[in-house]
Amino acid sequence: MDGNEVKAGQELLYKVTYKNTTGKEQNVVIKDKIPEHTTYVEGSASDGGVYKDGEITWTKEKVADGETFEVTFRVKVDDNVNGEKILNKANVVDGSNNFDTNETTNPTSTKPKKDVFSLSDDKVSIDGNEVKAGQELLYKVTYKNTTGKEQNVVIKDKIPEHTTYVEGSASDGGVYKDGEITWIKEKVADGETFEVTFKVKVNDNVNGEKILNKANVVDGSNKFDTNETTNPTPTKPVKDVFDSQNDKVSIDGNEVKAGQELLYKVTYKNSTGKDQKVVIKDKIPEHTTYVEGSASDGGVYKGGEITWTKEKVADGETFEVTFKVKVDDNVNGEKILNKANVVDGNNKFDTNETTNPTPLKPRPVVPKTGYAVNTALYTALLGLSTGALGAIKIRYKKKNKK
């Protein structure tokens, strides 16, 4: 198989054949260095070969004229080979003669490469960088044919979780179906590169998940998975509210009363993949009063707002802050609303908003008395009496005329 392509993990058997044609008996020494990009298979050297410091040595004291001395050993192709050639030759000494054998050559395939970019710059990789909800990503798969012959190449790439395929974005006739894109190129010449791209949009509801992607490439009998790209997404900070006497049970959405003390908590987790400077700002909610000195972790209260600054929050670390307020005595059905703002590096978030209704104060009740009824009755009686007097007066006048 000299000249043929070999794969990562494949075992190779090397053979050195010496024939004594000197006309006399010879002491023969064969030395063979383990080829680069391979690992010696322990104990595989035949005929008493001794392995030391990357080289095998065979010594045979007497090789008769016309006799053949043949030795073998095995190696395993390293997993990380990527287009390198595996070269090997041995050195043979018989008496005063010193020979190098011919050199064997076995190319290894170049692994296809996966990379990810922002749409604004398809030259600078963002593999490993944080990406945000709604951001569009450009994925690229690069295959180079190093097999020594023309190949039919098929590339398949599943759309990564937590993203949505951008319709029609697959290059080079890629066909999108059931969450996967397939590209087929019938003839890729030896030495030719076949590169394909597609776009996705990061889902709006990502919250700390990692966006992972790798492709699968088949060229002839070779099948490869590319490297895997990784893009973390930020974890949205969380706001919650508690009664100051119990910071374990959330009262978000529950009614609160005048004079009640509330404990607010903001929780930030760094999922950016690197250290971050974090600034949290929280305005004291309307219809409440800040409890002096209650801001944790060095929070500074000024102008109705608390600010916390932490210079270094390690990747994976959680930064949690709290403060207290007292519900105003004059609340009357208003809702107490609160959310915080968090900045870590280039990211800026508003937390969820907590809501606590307050009860309506009862209206004063006008007492019922008989005053209104009595007044009406008095008015009616007065009207009747006035009418009666008028009638008597008219009758009296008529009588006098007669």
Protein backbone atom coordinates (compact mmCIF):
# COMPACT_ATOMS: atom_id res chain seq x y z
CA MET A 1 0.00 0.00 0.00
CA ASP A 2 2.96 2.30 -0.53
CA GLY A 3 1.55 5.53 -1.98
CA ASN A 4 -1.99 4.92 -0.76
CA GLU A 5 -3.87 7.19 1.61
CA VAL A 6 -4.12 6.07 5.24
CA LYS A 7 -6.45 7.22 8.00
CA ALA A 8 -6.18 8.34 11.59
CA GLY A 9 -6.15 5.30 13.87
CA GLN A 10 -5.17 2.88 11.12
CA GLU A 11 -2.46 0.30 11.91
CA LEU A 12 0.38 -0.07 9.41
CA LEU A 13 2.80 -2.99 9.10
CA TYR A 14 6.30 -2.07 7.93
CA LYS A 15 8.64 -4.67 6.47
CA VAL A 16 12.39 -4.44 5.77
CA THR A 17 13.90 -7.14 3.56
CA TYR A 18 17.67 -7.66 3.34
CA LYS A 19 19.34 -10.25 1.12
CA ASN A 20 23.04 -11.05 1.54
CA THR A 21 24.68 -10.94 -1.88
CA THR A 22 28.19 -10.13 -0.64
CA GLY A 23 29.56 -13.59 -1.28
CA LYS A 24 30.25 -14.19 2.39
CA GLU A 25 28.58 -14.38 5.77
CA GLN A 26 27.66 -11.03 7.28
CA ASN A 27 26.79 -9.43 10.61
CA VAL A 28 23.70 -7.35 9.81
CA VAL A 29 22.25 -4.43 11.76
CA ILE A 30 18.93 -2.85 10.70
CA LYS A 31 17.70 0.41 12.24
CA ASP A 32 14.31 1.96 11.58
CA LYS A 33 12.94 5.17 13.08
CA ILE A 34 9.23 5.22 13.82
CA PRO A 35 7.68 7.57 11.23
CA GLU A 36 6.30 10.93 12.30
CA HIS A 37 2.54 11.14 12.91
CA THR A 38 2.46 7.53 14.10
CA THR A 39 2.86 5.65 17.39
CA TYR A 40 4.77 2.38 17.79
CA VAL A 41 2.62 -0.64 18.67
CA GLU A 42 4.31 -1.99 21.77
CA GLY A 43 5.98 -5.39 21.30
CA SER A 44 5.31 -5.57 17.58
CA ALA A 45 8.97 -5.67 16.43
CA SER A 46 9.77 -9.14 15.06
CA ASP A 47 13.01 -11.12 15.38
CA GLY A 48 14.13 -9.66 18.68
CA GLY A 49 14.00 -6.05 17.53
CA VAL A 50 14.68 -3.62 20.39
CA TYR A 51 12.61 -0.42 20.59
CA LYS A 52 14.27 2.57 22.25
CA ASP A 53 13.85 6.34 21.86
CA GLY A 54 11.65 6.10 18.79
CA GLU A 55 13.89 3.66 16.91
CA ILE A 56 13.96 -0.13 16.49
CA THR A 57 17.25 -2.01 16.14
CA TRP A 58 17.65 -5.55 14.85
CA THR A 59 20.98 -7.35 15.00
CA LYS A 60 21.74 -10.70 13.40
CA GLU A 61 25.27 -11.99 13.94
CA LYS A 62 25.39 -14.37 11.01
CA VAL A 63 23.50 -13.95 7.75
CA ALA A 64 24.82 -16.50 5.26
CA ASP A 65 25.59 -15.54 1.69
CA GLY A 66 22.36 -15.70 -0.29
CA GLU A 67 20.23 -15.68 2.86
CA THR A 68 17.36 -13.25 3.34
CA PHE A 69 16.78 -11.43 6.66
CA GLU A 70 13.31 -9.90 6.93
CA VAL A 71 11.95 -7.90 9.86
CA THR A 72 8.61 -6.23 10.59
CA PHE A 73 6.98 -3.83 13.04
CA ARG A 74 3.68 -2.02 13.40
CA VAL A 75 2.60 1.56 14.04
CA LYS A 76 -0.75 3.29 14.56
CA VAL A 77 -1.52 6.48 12.65
CA ASP A 78 -2.06 9.34 15.10
CA ASP A 79 -5.60 10.62 15.59
CA ASN A 80 -4.65 14.21 14.82
CA VAL A 81 -3.18 13.65 11.36
CA ASN A 82 -4.47 16.18 8.89
CA GLY A 83 -3.00 15.98 5.43
CA GLU A 84 0.54 15.08 6.53
CA LYS A 85 2.50 12.46 4.63
CA ILE A 86 3.78 9.46 6.58
CA LEU A 87 7.30 8.71 5.35
CA ASN A 88 9.57 5.83 6.34
CA LYS A 89 12.90 4.31 5.40
CA ALA A 90 15.34 2.02 7.21
CA ASN A 91 19.11 1.88 7.46
CA VAL A 92 20.99 -1.41 6.96
CA VAL A 93 24.63 -2.14 7.74
CA ASP A 94 26.28 -5.38 6.63
CA GLY A 95 29.98 -5.42 7.34
CA SER A 96 31.43 -2.27 5.83
CA ASN A 97 28.36 -1.52 3.71
CA ASN A 98 25.80 1.06 4.84
CA PHE A 99 22.49 1.39 2.99
CA ASP A 100 19.32 3.44 3.25
CA THR A 101 16.28 1.63 1.94
CA ASN A 102 13.77 3.22 -0.39
CA GLU A 103 11.29 5.56 1.32
CA THR A 104 7.62 4.63 1.61
CA THR A 105 5.00 7.38 1.40
CA ASN A 106 1.43 7.35 2.67
CA PRO A 107 -0.60 10.55 2.47
CA THR A 108 -3.27 11.23 5.07
CA SER A 109 -6.51 12.98 4.31
CA THR A 110 -6.99 16.64 5.17
CA LYS A 111 -9.83 16.88 7.65
CA PRO A 112 -12.61 19.21 6.57
CA LYS A 113 -12.85 22.32 8.71
CA LYS A 114 -15.88 23.96 10.31
CA ASP A 115 -15.93 27.63 11.25
CA VAL A 116 -18.44 30.30 12.27
CA PHE A 117 -18.53 34.03 11.54
CA SER A 118 -20.68 37.09 12.12
CA LEU A 119 -22.43 38.40 9.02
CA SER A 120 -20.47 41.64 9.19
CA ASP A 121 -17.11 39.89 8.72
CA ASP A 122 -16.70 36.44 7.16
CA LYS A 123 -12.92 36.55 7.57
CA VAL A 124 -12.62 36.67 11.37
CA SER A 125 -13.76 33.52 13.16
CA ILE A 126 -16.04 33.92 16.18
CA ASP A 127 -15.68 30.29 17.26
CA GLY A 128 -15.70 30.35 21.06
CA ASN A 129 -17.19 33.84 21.25
CA GLU A 130 -20.50 34.69 22.86
CA VAL A 131 -23.48 35.32 20.58
CA LYS A 132 -26.82 36.96 21.33
CA ALA A 133 -30.50 36.29 20.76
CA GLY A 134 -31.51 37.39 17.26
CA GLN A 135 -27.93 37.43 15.95
CA GLU A 136 -27.31 35.89 12.52
CA LEU A 137 -24.37 33.50 12.18
CA LEU A 138 -22.59 32.35 9.02
CA TYR A 139 -21.28 28.77 9.08
CA LYS A 140 -18.60 27.59 6.68
CA VAL A 141 -17.38 24.05 5.86
CA THR A 142 -14.11 23.72 3.95
CA TYR A 143 -13.06 20.41 2.37
CA LYS A 144 -9.80 19.87 0.48
CA ASN A 145 -9.26 16.74 -1.60
CA THR A 146 -5.86 15.26 -0.71
CA THR A 147 -6.69 11.68 -1.68
CA GLY A 148 -4.62 11.72 -4.85
CA LYS A 149 -7.64 11.22 -7.08
CA GLU A 150 -10.96 12.76 -8.05
CA GLN A 151 -13.73 12.32 -5.47
CA ASN A 152 -17.51 12.48 -5.18
CA VAL A 153 -18.09 14.58 -2.04
CA VAL A 154 -21.20 14.77 0.16
CA ILE A 155 -21.42 17.28 3.03
CA LYS A 156 -24.22 17.14 5.60
CA ASP A 157 -24.78 19.71 8.33
CA LYS A 158 -27.54 19.73 10.95
CA ILE A 159 -28.84 23.15 11.96
CA PRO A 160 -27.60 23.73 15.52
CA GLU A 161 -30.04 23.68 18.41
CA HIS A 162 -31.27 27.07 19.65
CA THR A 163 -31.08 28.53 16.14
CA THR A 164 -33.35 28.82 13.09
CA TYR A 165 -32.20 28.30 9.51
CA VAL A 166 -32.25 31.42 7.33
CA GLU A 167 -34.35 30.33 4.38
CA GLY A 168 -32.43 30.06 1.10
CA SER A 169 -29.03 30.80 2.65
CA ALA A 170 -27.33 27.48 1.79
CA SER A 171 -24.69 28.07 -0.89
CA ASP A 172 -23.70 25.81 -3.81
CA GLY A 173 -27.08 24.16 -4.27
CA GLY A 174 -27.35 22.93 -0.70
CA VAL A 175 -30.75 21.35 -0.02
CA TYR A 176 -32.43 22.04 3.34
CA LYS A 177 -34.76 19.34 4.67
CA ASP A 178 -35.84 18.30 8.17
CA GLY A 179 -33.29 20.47 9.93
CA GLU A 180 -30.31 19.36 7.83
CA ILE A 181 -28.55 20.75 4.75
CA THR A 182 -26.99 18.41 2.16
CA TRP A 183 -24.47 19.41 -0.50
CA ILE A 184 -23.33 17.01 -3.25
CA LYS A 185 -20.48 17.63 -5.68
CA GLU A 186 -19.92 14.83 -8.17
CA LYS A 187 -16.32 15.64 -9.07
CA VAL A 188 -13.81 17.29 -6.76
CA ALA A 189 -10.38 17.07 -8.36
CA ASP A 190 -7.29 16.07 -6.37
CA GLY A 191 -6.02 19.20 -4.64
CA GLU A 192 -9.30 21.08 -5.18
CA THR A 193 -11.14 22.80 -2.31
CA PHE A 194 -14.94 22.60 -1.92
CA GLU A 195 -16.35 25.23 0.45
CA VAL A 196 -20.00 25.68 1.45
CA THR A 197 -21.85 28.13 3.72
CA PHE A 198 -25.23 28.71 5.33
CA LYS A 199 -26.82 31.08 7.84
CA VAL A 200 -28.83 30.69 11.02
CA LYS A 201 -30.49 33.10 13.43
CA VAL A 202 -30.05 32.64 17.18
CA ASN A 203 -33.43 32.04 18.83
CA ASP A 204 -34.90 34.83 20.94
CA ASN A 205 -35.36 32.60 24.00
CA VAL A 206 -31.74 31.49 24.39
CA ASN A 207 -30.60 31.70 27.97
CA GLY A 208 -27.11 30.40 28.65
CA GLU A 209 -27.21 27.49 26.20
CA LYS A 210 -24.17 26.74 24.03
CA ILE A 211 -24.66 26.70 20.27
CA LEU A 212 -22.68 23.74 18.93
CA ASN A 213 -22.18 22.73 15.31
CA LYS A 214 -20.18 20.25 13.27
CA ALA A 215 -20.60 18.82 9.78
CA ASN A 216 -20.14 15.38 8.27
CA VAL A 217 -18.17 14.89 5.05
CA VAL A 218 -17.91 11.78 2.88
CA ASP A 219 -15.37 11.53 0.05
CA GLY A 220 -15.28 8.10 -1.53
CA SER A 221 -14.72 5.59 1.27
CA ASN A 222 -13.61 8.24 3.77
CA LYS A 223 -16.06 9.63 6.31
CA PHE A 224 -15.19 12.56 8.56
CA ASP A 225 -16.77 14.67 11.25
CA THR A 226 -15.40 18.19 11.23
CA ASN A 227 -14.25 19.99 14.34
CA GLU A 228 -17.12 21.33 16.47
CA THR A 229 -17.71 25.07 16.80
CA THR A 230 -18.96 26.45 20.12
CA ASN A 231 -20.72 29.73 20.85
CA PRO A 232 -22.02 30.40 24.35
CA THR A 233 -25.08 32.58 24.87
CA PRO A 234 -25.59 34.89 27.85
CA THR A 235 -27.74 33.85 30.81
CA LYS A 236 -30.42 36.47 31.40
CA PRO A 237 -30.29 37.91 34.92
CA VAL A 238 -33.32 37.16 37.11
CA LYS A 239 -35.26 39.53 39.37
CA ASP A 240 -37.36 38.28 42.30
CA VAL A 241 -39.16 39.70 45.32
CA PHE A 242 -39.68 38.25 48.80
CA ASP A 243 -41.13 39.24 52.12
CA SER A 244 -38.18 40.45 54.18
CA GLN A 245 -38.91 37.74 56.76
CA ASN A 246 -38.59 34.87 54.23
CA ASP A 247 -36.13 35.10 51.32
CA LYS A 248 -36.88 31.57 50.07
CA VAL A 249 -40.49 31.91 48.92
CA SER A 250 -41.12 34.33 46.05
CA ILE A 251 -44.08 36.67 46.41
CA ASP A 252 -43.93 37.94 42.82
CA GLY A 253 -47.54 38.54 41.77
CA ASN A 254 -48.85 38.53 45.35
CA GLU A 255 -50.63 41.43 47.04
CA VAL A 256 -48.58 43.47 49.51
CA LYS A 257 -49.73 45.90 52.20
CA ALA A 258 -48.87 49.37 53.37
CA GLY A 259 -45.88 49.27 55.71
CA GLN A 260 -44.73 45.82 54.56
CA GLU A 261 -40.99 45.33 53.98
CA LEU A 262 -40.00 43.72 50.68
CA LEU A 263 -36.66 42.13 49.81
CA TYR A 264 -35.58 42.38 46.16
CA LYS A 265 -32.97 40.04 44.70
CA VAL A 266 -31.07 40.23 41.37
CA THR A 267 -29.19 37.11 40.23
CA TYR A 268 -26.62 37.27 37.42
CA LYS A 269 -24.68 34.25 36.11
CA ASN A 270 -21.66 34.70 33.83
CA SER A 271 -22.00 32.32 30.90
CA THR A 272 -19.93 34.38 28.44
CA GLY A 273 -16.91 32.08 28.49
CA LYS A 274 -14.60 34.67 30.05
CA ASP A 275 -14.20 37.00 33.04
CA GLN A 276 -16.56 39.99 33.03
CA LYS A 277 -16.90 43.33 34.77
CA VAL A 278 -20.54 43.52 35.89
CA VAL A 279 -22.62 46.59 36.76
CA ILE A 280 -26.15 46.20 38.16
CA LYS A 281 -28.51 49.19 38.51
CA ASP A 282 -31.92 49.07 40.19
CA LYS A 283 -34.36 51.96 40.66
CA ILE A 284 -36.39 51.91 43.86
CA PRO A 285 -39.97 51.12 42.81
CA GLU A 286 -42.68 53.77 43.04
CA HIS A 287 -44.91 53.68 46.13
CA THR A 288 -42.04 52.36 48.28
CA THR A 289 -39.21 53.81 50.36
CA TYR A 290 -35.65 52.43 50.40
CA VAL A 291 -34.59 50.85 53.70
CA GLU A 292 -31.41 52.71 54.50
CA GLY A 293 -28.24 50.56 54.35
CA SER A 294 -30.03 47.45 53.08
CA ALA A 295 -28.16 47.16 49.74
CA SER A 296 -25.85 44.13 49.86
CA ASP A 297 -22.39 43.71 48.32
CA GLY A 298 -21.35 47.35 48.50
CA GLY A 299 -24.36 48.65 46.56
CA VAL A 300 -24.42 52.46 46.48
CA TYR A 301 -27.78 54.24 46.86
CA LYS A 302 -28.11 57.63 45.16
CA GLY A 303 -30.95 59.53 43.57
CA GLY A 304 -33.47 56.73 44.02
CA GLU A 305 -31.22 54.12 42.40
CA ILE A 306 -28.79 51.48 43.70
CA THR A 307 -25.61 50.63 41.76
CA TRP A 308 -23.46 47.54 42.27
CA THR A 309 -20.10 47.12 40.51
CA LYS A 310 -18.00 43.96 40.51
CA GLU A 311 -14.75 44.24 38.58
CA LYS A 312 -14.26 40.53 37.94
CA VAL A 313 -16.94 37.86 37.71
CA ALA A 314 -15.38 34.59 36.53
CA ASP A 315 -16.96 32.49 33.80
CA GLY A 316 -19.62 30.30 35.44
CA GLU A 317 -19.71 32.46 38.59
CA THR A 318 -22.98 33.84 40.00
CA PHE A 319 -23.25 37.42 41.33
CA GLU A 320 -26.34 37.99 43.50
CA VAL A 321 -27.39 41.26 45.15
CA THR A 322 -30.29 42.29 47.39
CA PHE A 323 -31.96 45.36 48.91
CA LYS A 324 -35.09 46.20 50.91
CA VAL A 325 -37.93 48.68 50.57
CA LYS A 326 -40.96 49.56 52.70
CA VAL A 327 -44.37 49.91 51.05
CA ASP A 328 -45.70 53.46 51.51
CA ASP A 329 -48.56 53.98 53.97
CA ASN A 330 -50.74 55.76 51.43
CA VAL A 331 -50.83 53.03 48.77
CA ASN A 332 -54.30 52.50 47.41
CA GLY A 333 -54.56 49.87 44.67
CA GLU A 334 -51.33 50.81 42.88
CA LYS A 335 -49.06 48.09 41.49
CA ILE A 336 -45.48 47.98 42.73
CA LEU A 337 -43.29 47.19 39.72
CA ASN A 338 -39.54 46.58 39.66
CA LYS A 339 -36.83 45.46 37.25
CA ALA A 340 -33.06 45.87 37.18
CA ASN A 341 -30.52 46.62 34.47
CA VAL A 342 -27.34 44.54 34.13
CA VAL A 343 -24.27 45.28 31.99
CA ASP A 344 -21.51 42.67 31.46
CA GLY A 345 -18.91 43.67 28.90
CA ASN A 346 -20.79 44.56 25.71
CA ASN A 347 -24.06 42.97 26.85
CA LYS A 348 -26.88 44.99 28.36
CA PHE A 349 -29.96 43.33 29.85
CA ASP A 350 -33.16 44.32 31.57
CA THR A 351 -34.32 41.65 34.00
CA ASN A 352 -37.87 40.37 34.16
CA GLU A 353 -40.28 42.72 35.95
CA THR A 354 -41.79 41.81 39.32
CA THR A 355 -45.36 42.91 40.11
CA ASN A 356 -47.08 43.31 43.47
CA PRO A 357 -50.60 44.78 43.63
CA THR A 358 -51.76 46.68 46.71
CA PRO A 359 -55.31 46.65 48.14
CA LEU A 360 -57.83 49.45 47.61
CA LYS A 361 -58.71 51.37 50.76
CA PRO A 362 -62.43 51.16 51.64
CA ARG A 363 -64.53 54.32 50.85
CA PRO A 364 -66.27 56.16 53.74
CA VAL A 365 -70.01 55.19 54.10
CA VAL A 366 -72.66 57.98 54.51
CA PRO A 367 -74.92 57.03 57.48
CA LYS A 368 -78.66 56.63 56.71
CA THR A 369 -81.02 58.89 58.77
CA GLY A 370 -84.76 59.78 58.51
CA TYR A 371 -83.96 63.41 57.66
CA ALA A 372 -84.60 63.15 53.95
CA VAL A 373 -87.89 61.25 54.42
CA ASN A 374 -89.13 63.70 57.08
CA THR A 375 -88.33 66.67 54.89
CA ALA A 376 -90.30 65.20 52.01
CA LEU A 377 -93.24 64.47 54.29
CA TYR A 378 -93.16 67.98 55.72
CA THR A 379 -93.10 69.46 52.23
CA ALA A 380 -96.09 67.35 51.18
CA LEU A 381 -98.11 68.30 54.25
CA LEU A 382 -97.28 71.93 53.80
CA GLY A 383 -98.51 71.75 50.21
CA LEU A 384 -101.77 70.11 51.25
CA SER A 385 -102.44 72.60 54.01
CA THR A 386 -101.77 75.54 51.72
CA GLY A 387 -104.23 74.11 49.18
CA ALA A 388 -106.90 73.62 51.83
CA LEU A 389 -106.57 77.19 53.07
CA GLY A 390 -106.89 78.45 49.50
CA ALA A 391 -110.10 76.50 48.99
CA ILE A 392 -111.66 77.87 52.21
CA LYS A 393 -110.82 81.42 51.20
CA ILE A 394 -112.50 81.03 47.77
CA ARG A 395 -115.68 79.62 49.36
CA TYR A 396 -115.80 82.51 51.83
CA LYS A 397 -115.66 85.10 49.04
CA LYS A 398 -118.51 83.44 47.12
CA LYS A 399 -120.70 83.45 50.20
CA ASN A 400 -120.23 87.20 50.77
CA LYS A 401 -121.24 87.99 47.18
CA LYS A 402 -124.59 86.40 47.73
